[in-house]
Amino acid sequence: MEIIIFLKSLIIGIAKVIPGVSGAMIAVSFGVYDRLINAITNFFDDKKNNLKFLVIFGSGVLIAISLFSNVV
């Protein structure tokens, strides 16, 4: 499950770099947006799982942005 989240976050990170493509729209189409908003708004309800999700998701987005920003 974590690998799938990481791969989706890589694609979302690439979409954030491409002009005219919305990373949020890609997140909605991948079904990650609701979980992301839930993890942020209810962070203190389940710190361990929310932090794990946010770290996996955030690292994927940051890696994709740093690798593909020079390409675009």
PDB file of N, CA and C in Angstrom:
ATOM      1  N   MET A   1       0.823  -1.200   0.000  1.00  0.00           N
ATOM      2  CA  MET A   1       0.000   0.000   0.000  1.00  0.00           C
ATOM      3  C   MET A   1       0.864   1.261   0.000  1.00  0.00           C
ATOM      4  N   GLU A   2       1.949   1.231   0.756  1.00  0.00           N
ATOM      5  CA  GLU A   2       2.815   2.407   0.824  1.00  0.00           C
ATOM      6  C   GLU A   2       3.504   2.670  -0.513  1.00  0.00           C
ATOM      7  N   ILE A   3       3.832   1.586  -1.219  1.00  0.00           N
ATOM      8  CA  ILE A   3       4.480   1.737  -2.519  1.00  0.00           C
ATOM      9  C   ILE A   3       3.522   2.400  -3.514  1.00  0.00           C
ATOM     10  N   ILE A   4       2.262   2.019  -3.462  1.00  0.00           N
ATOM     11  CA  ILE A   4       1.266   2.601  -4.367  1.00  0.00           C
ATOM     12  C   ILE A   4       1.094   4.085  -4.075  1.00  0.00           C
ATOM     13  N   ILE A   5       1.027   4.449  -2.797  1.00  0.00           N
ATOM     14  CA  ILE A   5       0.915   5.858  -2.420  1.00  0.00           C
ATOM     15  C   ILE A   5       2.141   6.630  -2.900  1.00  0.00           C
ATOM     16  N   PHE A   6       3.317   6.036  -2.731  1.00  0.00           N
ATOM     17  CA  PHE A   6       4.548   6.701  -3.162  1.00  0.00           C
ATOM     18  C   PHE A   6       4.562   6.898  -4.676  1.00  0.00           C
ATOM     19  N   LEU A   7       4.158   5.884  -5.442  1.00  0.00           N
ATOM     20  CA  LEU A   7       4.135   6.008  -6.900  1.00  0.00           C
ATOM     21  C   LEU A   7       3.120   7.047  -7.366  1.00  0.00           C
ATOM     22  N   LYS A   8       1.963   7.075  -6.709  1.00  0.00           N
ATOM     23  CA  LYS A   8       0.961   8.089  -7.045  1.00  0.00           C
ATOM     24  C   LYS A   8       1.482   9.484  -6.737  1.00  0.00           C
ATOM     25  N   SER A   9       2.198   9.618  -5.624  1.00  0.00           N
ATOM     26  CA  SER A   9       2.730  10.930  -5.257  1.00  0.00           C
ATOM     27  C   SER A   9       3.826  11.372  -6.226  1.00  0.00           C
ATOM     28  N   LEU A  10       4.573  10.426  -6.775  1.00  0.00           N
ATOM     29  CA  LEU A  10       5.566  10.787  -7.795  1.00  0.00           C
ATOM     30  C   LEU A  10       4.880  11.377  -9.028  1.00  0.00           C
ATOM     31  N   ILE A  11       3.798  10.746  -9.455  1.00  0.00           N
ATOM     32  CA  ILE A  11       3.071  11.243 -10.627  1.00  0.00           C
ATOM     33  C   ILE A  11       2.450  12.604 -10.334  1.00  0.00           C
ATOM     34  N   ILE A  12       1.933  12.784  -9.130  1.00  0.00           N
ATOM     35  CA  ILE A  12       1.349  14.074  -8.746  1.00  0.00           C
ATOM     36  C   ILE A  12       2.441  15.150  -8.706  1.00  0.00           C
ATOM     37  N   GLY A  13       3.623  14.804  -8.211  1.00  0.00           N
ATOM     38  CA  GLY A  13       4.744  15.747  -8.197  1.00  0.00           C
ATOM     39  C   GLY A  13       5.163  16.154  -9.592  1.00  0.00           C
ATOM     40  N   ILE A  14       5.171  15.200 -10.525  1.00  0.00           N
ATOM     41  CA  ILE A  14       5.489  15.519 -11.915  1.00  0.00           C
ATOM     42  C   ILE A  14       4.424  16.452 -12.488  1.00  0.00           C
ATOM     43  N   ALA A  15       3.163  16.195 -12.150  1.00  0.00           N
ATOM     44  CA  ALA A  15       2.073  17.039 -12.650  1.00  0.00           C
ATOM     45  C   ALA A  15       2.171  18.454 -12.101  1.00  0.00           C
ATOM     46  N   LYS A  16       2.693  18.620 -10.902  1.00  0.00           N
ATOM     47  CA  LYS A  16       2.835  19.959 -10.334  1.00  0.00           C
ATOM     48  C   LYS A  16       3.880  20.785 -11.087  1.00  0.00           C
ATOM     49  N   VAL A  17       4.831  20.120 -11.718  1.00  0.00           N
ATOM     50  CA  VAL A  17       5.888  20.828 -12.439  1.00  0.00           C
ATOM     51  C   VAL A  17       5.425  21.238 -13.832  1.00  0.00           C
ATOM     52  N   ILE A  18       4.565  20.451 -14.440  1.00  0.00           N
ATOM     53  CA  ILE A  18       4.125  20.711 -15.810  1.00  0.00           C
ATOM     54  C   ILE A  18       3.144  21.887 -15.820  1.00  0.00           C
ATOM     55  N   PRO A  19       3.427  22.909 -16.623  1.00  0.00           N
ATOM     56  CA  PRO A  19       2.516  24.057 -16.685  1.00  0.00           C
ATOM     57  C   PRO A  19       1.153  23.655 -17.262  1.00  0.00           C
ATOM     58  N   GLY A  20       0.110  24.137 -16.638  1.00  0.00           N
ATOM     59  CA  GLY A  20      -1.239  23.880 -17.106  1.00  0.00           C
ATOM     60  C   GLY A  20      -1.876  22.629 -16.538  1.00  0.00           C
ATOM     61  N   VAL A  21      -1.118  21.827 -15.820  1.00  0.00           N
ATOM     62  CA  VAL A  21      -1.656  20.611 -15.221  1.00  0.00           C
ATOM     63  C   VAL A  21      -1.758  20.832 -13.720  1.00  0.00           C
ATOM     64  N   SER A  22      -2.915  20.542 -13.163  1.00  0.00           N
ATOM     65  CA  SER A  22      -3.134  20.746 -11.737  1.00  0.00           C
ATOM     66  C   SER A  22      -2.806  19.471 -10.963  1.00  0.00           C
ATOM     67  N   GLY A  23      -1.912  19.600  -9.997  1.00  0.00           N
ATOM     68  CA  GLY A  23      -1.582  18.463  -9.150  1.00  0.00           C
ATOM     69  C   GLY A  23      -2.766  18.009  -8.326  1.00  0.00           C
ATOM     70  N   ALA A  24      -3.613  18.953  -7.920  1.00  0.00           N
ATOM     71  CA  ALA A  24      -4.801  18.602  -7.138  1.00  0.00           C
ATOM     72  C   ALA A  24      -5.791  17.809  -7.978  1.00  0.00           C
ATOM     73  N   MET A  25      -5.905  18.138  -9.234  1.00  0.00           N
ATOM     74  CA  MET A  25      -6.819  17.401 -10.106  1.00  0.00           C
ATOM     75  C   MET A  25      -6.330  15.972 -10.311  1.00  0.00           C
ATOM     76  N   ILE A  26      -5.041  15.800 -10.432  1.00  0.00           N
ATOM     77  CA  ILE A  26      -4.479  14.459 -10.552  1.00  0.00           C
ATOM     78  C   ILE A  26      -4.686  13.692  -9.249  1.00  0.00           C
ATOM     79  N   ALA A  27      -4.538  14.367  -8.117  1.00  0.00           N
ATOM     80  CA  ALA A  27      -4.765  13.720  -6.827  1.00  0.00           C
ATOM     81  C   ALA A  27      -6.215  13.270  -6.681  1.00  0.00           C
ATOM     82  N   VAL A  28      -7.142  14.064  -7.165  1.00  0.00           N
ATOM     83  CA  VAL A  28      -8.558  13.686  -7.122  1.00  0.00           C
ATOM     84  C   VAL A  28      -8.792  12.469  -8.004  1.00  0.00           C
ATOM     85  N   SER A  29      -8.209  12.465  -9.187  1.00  0.00           N
ATOM     86  CA  SER A  29      -8.437  11.342 -10.100  1.00  0.00           C
ATOM     87  C   SER A  29      -7.781  10.061  -9.596  1.00  0.00           C
ATOM     88  N   PHE A  30      -6.709  10.164  -8.831  1.00  0.00           N
ATOM     89  CA  PHE A  30      -6.074   8.981  -8.240  1.00  0.00           C
ATOM     90  C   PHE A  30      -6.723   8.558  -6.925  1.00  0.00           C
ATOM     91  N   GLY A  31      -7.624   9.375  -6.395  1.00  0.00           N
ATOM     92  CA  GLY A  31      -8.299   9.037  -5.152  1.00  0.00           C
ATOM     93  C   GLY A  31      -7.475   9.296  -3.906  1.00  0.00           C
ATOM     94  N   VAL A  32      -6.484  10.162  -4.011  1.00  0.00           N
ATOM     95  CA  VAL A  32      -5.597  10.458  -2.885  1.00  0.00           C
ATOM     96  C   VAL A  32      -6.007  11.740  -2.174  1.00  0.00           C
ATOM     97  N   TYR A  33      -6.720  12.603  -2.860  1.00  0.00           N
ATOM     98  CA  TYR A  33      -7.027  13.937  -2.345  1.00  0.00           C
ATOM     99  C   TYR A  33      -7.813  13.889  -1.030  1.00  0.00           C
ATOM    100  N   ASP A  34      -8.836  13.055  -0.974  1.00  0.00           N
ATOM    101  CA  ASP A  34      -9.645  12.972   0.251  1.00  0.00           C
ATOM    102  C   ASP A  34      -8.824  12.485   1.436  1.00  0.00           C
ATOM    103  N   ARG A  35      -7.984  11.497   1.198  1.00  0.00           N
ATOM    104  CA  ARG A  35      -7.158  10.996   2.293  1.00  0.00           C
ATOM    105  C   ARG A  35      -6.130  12.039   2.728  1.00  0.00           C
ATOM    106  N   LEU A  36      -5.610  12.784   1.781  1.00  0.00           N
ATOM    107  CA  LEU A  36      -4.640  13.827   2.100  1.00  0.00           C
ATOM    108  C   LEU A  36      -5.268  14.927   2.947  1.00  0.00           C
ATOM    109  N   ILE A  37      -6.437  15.387   2.553  1.00  0.00           N
ATOM    110  CA  ILE A  37      -7.136  16.418   3.325  1.00  0.00           C
ATOM    111  C   ILE A  37      -7.513  15.890   4.701  1.00  0.00           C
ATOM    112  N   ASN A  38      -7.951  14.642   4.764  1.00  0.00           N
ATOM    113  CA  ASN A  38      -8.322  14.032   6.044  1.00  0.00           C
ATOM    114  C   ASN A  38      -7.099  13.906   6.957  1.00  0.00           C
ATOM    115  N   ALA A  39      -5.959  13.524   6.397  1.00  0.00           N
ATOM    116  CA  ALA A  39      -4.746  13.376   7.202  1.00  0.00           C
ATOM    117  C   ALA A  39      -4.275  14.716   7.761  1.00  0.00           C
ATOM    118  N   ILE A  40      -4.485  15.784   7.021  1.00  0.00           N
ATOM    119  CA  ILE A  40      -4.061  17.106   7.486  1.00  0.00           C
ATOM    120  C   ILE A  40      -5.034  17.662   8.523  1.00  0.00           C
ATOM    121  N   THR A  41      -6.334  17.574   8.240  1.00  0.00           N
ATOM    122  CA  THR A  41      -7.312  18.180   9.152  1.00  0.00           C
ATOM    123  C   THR A  41      -7.480  17.396  10.440  1.00  0.00           C
ATOM    124  N   ASN A  42      -7.349  16.084  10.389  1.00  0.00           N
ATOM    125  CA  ASN A  42      -7.497  15.257  11.590  1.00  0.00           C
ATOM    126  C   ASN A  42      -6.166  14.666  12.023  1.00  0.00           C
ATOM    127  N   PHE A  43      -5.123  15.465  11.921  1.00  0.00           N
ATOM    128  CA  PHE A  43      -3.778  14.977  12.191  1.00  0.00           C
ATOM    129  C   PHE A  43      -3.628  14.423  13.612  1.00  0.00           C
ATOM    130  N   PHE A  44      -4.169  15.109  14.587  1.00  0.00           N
ATOM    131  CA  PHE A  44      -3.960  14.717  15.976  1.00  0.00           C
ATOM    132  C   PHE A  44      -4.861  13.576  16.426  1.00  0.00           C
ATOM    133  N   ASP A  45      -5.848  13.208  15.620  1.00  0.00           N
ATOM    134  CA  ASP A  45      -6.698  12.073  15.977  1.00  0.00           C
ATOM    135  C   ASP A  45      -5.952  10.753  15.854  1.00  0.00           C
ATOM    136  N   ASP A  46      -5.102  10.626  14.840  1.00  0.00           N
ATOM    137  CA  ASP A  46      -4.312   9.419  14.617  1.00  0.00           C
ATOM    138  C   ASP A  46      -2.944   9.834  14.098  1.00  0.00           C
ATOM    139  N   LYS A  47      -2.113  10.334  15.006  1.00  0.00           N
ATOM    140  CA  LYS A  47      -0.833  10.922  14.620  1.00  0.00           C
ATOM    141  C   LYS A  47       0.057   9.955  13.845  1.00  0.00           C
ATOM    142  N   LYS A  48       0.143   8.722  14.322  1.00  0.00           N
ATOM    143  CA  LYS A  48       1.074   7.767  13.732  1.00  0.00           C
ATOM    144  C   LYS A  48       0.748   7.487  12.260  1.00  0.00           C
ATOM    145  N   ASN A  49      -0.487   7.129  11.970  1.00  0.00           N
ATOM    146  CA  ASN A  49      -0.866   6.805  10.590  1.00  0.00           C
ATOM    147  C   ASN A  49      -0.880   8.039   9.692  1.00  0.00           C
ATOM    148  N   ASN A  50      -1.342   9.168  10.221  1.00  0.00           N
ATOM    149  CA  ASN A  50      -1.374  10.389   9.424  1.00  0.00           C
ATOM    150  C   ASN A  50       0.036  10.873   9.094  1.00  0.00           C
ATOM    151  N   LEU A  51       0.923  10.808  10.070  1.00  0.00           N
ATOM    152  CA  LEU A  51       2.299  11.224   9.829  1.00  0.00           C
ATOM    153  C   LEU A  51       2.973  10.293   8.831  1.00  0.00           C
ATOM    154  N   LYS A  52       2.731   9.001   8.958  1.00  0.00           N
ATOM    155  CA  LYS A  52       3.295   8.028   8.020  1.00  0.00           C
ATOM    156  C   LYS A  52       2.828   8.322   6.599  1.00  0.00           C
ATOM    157  N   PHE A  53       1.528   8.562   6.436  1.00  0.00           N
ATOM    158  CA  PHE A  53       0.984   8.871   5.109  1.00  0.00           C
ATOM    159  C   PHE A  53       1.564  10.164   4.560  1.00  0.00           C
ATOM    160  N   LEU A  54       1.617  11.204   5.385  1.00  0.00           N
ATOM    161  CA  LEU A  54       2.114  12.503   4.923  1.00  0.00           C
ATOM    162  C   LEU A  54       3.596  12.460   4.569  1.00  0.00           C
ATOM    163  N   VAL A  55       4.381  11.684   5.310  1.00  0.00           N
ATOM    164  CA  VAL A  55       5.813  11.572   5.000  1.00  0.00           C
ATOM    165  C   VAL A  55       6.010  10.829   3.685  1.00  0.00           C
ATOM    166  N   ILE A  56       5.289   9.735   3.494  1.00  0.00           N
ATOM    167  CA  ILE A  56       5.402   8.981   2.244  1.00  0.00           C
ATOM    168  C   ILE A  56       4.949   9.841   1.065  1.00  0.00           C
ATOM    169  N   PHE A  57       3.807  10.472   1.211  1.00  0.00           N
ATOM    170  CA  PHE A  57       3.262  11.297   0.132  1.00  0.00           C
ATOM    171  C   PHE A  57       4.156  12.502  -0.144  1.00  0.00           C
ATOM    172  N   GLY A  58       4.557  13.194   0.900  1.00  0.00           N
ATOM    173  CA  GLY A  58       5.391  14.383   0.734  1.00  0.00           C
ATOM    174  C   GLY A  58       6.754  14.080   0.145  1.00  0.00           C
ATOM    175  N   SER A  59       7.353  12.966   0.542  1.00  0.00           N
ATOM    176  CA  SER A  59       8.660  12.619  -0.011  1.00  0.00           C
ATOM    177  C   SER A  59       8.552  12.286  -1.497  1.00  0.00           C
ATOM    178  N   GLY A  60       7.480  11.619  -1.891  1.00  0.00           N
ATOM    179  CA  GLY A  60       7.293  11.326  -3.307  1.00  0.00           C
ATOM    180  C   GLY A  60       7.126  12.583  -4.134  1.00  0.00           C
ATOM    181  N   VAL A  61       6.335  13.519  -3.639  1.00  0.00           N
ATOM    182  CA  VAL A  61       6.123  14.781  -4.361  1.00  0.00           C
ATOM    183  C   VAL A  61       7.417  15.577  -4.438  1.00  0.00           C
ATOM    184  N   LEU A  62       8.138  15.662  -3.338  1.00  0.00           N
ATOM    185  CA  LEU A  62       9.391  16.425  -3.339  1.00  0.00           C
ATOM    186  C   LEU A  62      10.448  15.811  -4.241  1.00  0.00           C
ATOM    187  N   ILE A  63      10.545  14.494  -4.238  1.00  0.00           N
ATOM    188  CA  ILE A  63      11.505  13.819  -5.119  1.00  0.00           C
ATOM    189  C   ILE A  63      11.157  14.073  -6.579  1.00  0.00           C
ATOM    190  N   ALA A  64       9.885  13.951  -6.914  1.00  0.00           N
ATOM    191  CA  ALA A  64       9.461  14.171  -8.302  1.00  0.00           C
ATOM    192  C   ALA A  64       9.706  15.610  -8.743  1.00  0.00           C
ATOM    193  N   ILE A  65       9.402  16.553  -7.878  1.00  0.00           N
ATOM    194  CA  ILE A  65       9.615  17.957  -8.233  1.00  0.00           C
ATOM    195  C   ILE A  65      11.096  18.238  -8.425  1.00  0.00           C
ATOM    196  N   SER A  66      11.933  17.726  -7.536  1.00  0.00           N
ATOM    197  CA  SER A  66      13.364  17.997  -7.654  1.00  0.00           C
ATOM    198  C   SER A  66      13.978  17.298  -8.870  1.00  0.00           C
ATOM    199  N   LEU A  67      13.492  16.125  -9.238  1.00  0.00           N
ATOM    200  CA  LEU A  67      14.066  15.422 -10.381  1.00  0.00           C
ATOM    201  C   LEU A  67      13.555  15.957 -11.716  1.00  0.00           C
ATOM    202  N   PHE A  68      12.298  16.333 -11.804  1.00  0.00           N
ATOM    203  CA  PHE A  68      11.712  16.698 -13.075  1.00  0.00           C
ATOM    204  C   PHE A  68      11.608  18.202 -13.316  1.00  0.00           C
ATOM    205  N   SER A  69      12.001  19.025 -12.358  1.00  0.00           N
ATOM    206  CA  SER A  69      11.931  20.470 -12.595  1.00  0.00           C
ATOM    207  C   SER A  69      12.942  20.922 -13.620  1.00  0.00           C
ATOM    208  N   ASN A  70      14.081  20.264 -13.684  1.00  0.00           N
ATOM    209  CA  ASN A  70      15.082  20.624 -14.691  1.00  0.00           C
ATOM    210  C   ASN A  70      14.682  20.142 -16.074  1.00  0.00           C
ATOM    211  N   VAL A  71      13.932  19.065 -16.139  1.00  0.00           N
ATOM    212  CA  VAL A  71      13.499  18.518 -17.429  1.00  0.00           C
ATOM    213  C   VAL A  71      12.532  19.454 -18.117  1.00  0.00           C
ATOM    214  N   VAL A  72      11.585  19.984 -17.333  1.00  0.00           N
ATOM    215  CA  VAL A  72      10.574  20.879 -17.897  1.00  0.00           C
ATOM    216  C   VAL A  72      11.172  22.237 -18.075  1.00  0.00           C
TER     217      VAL A  72
END
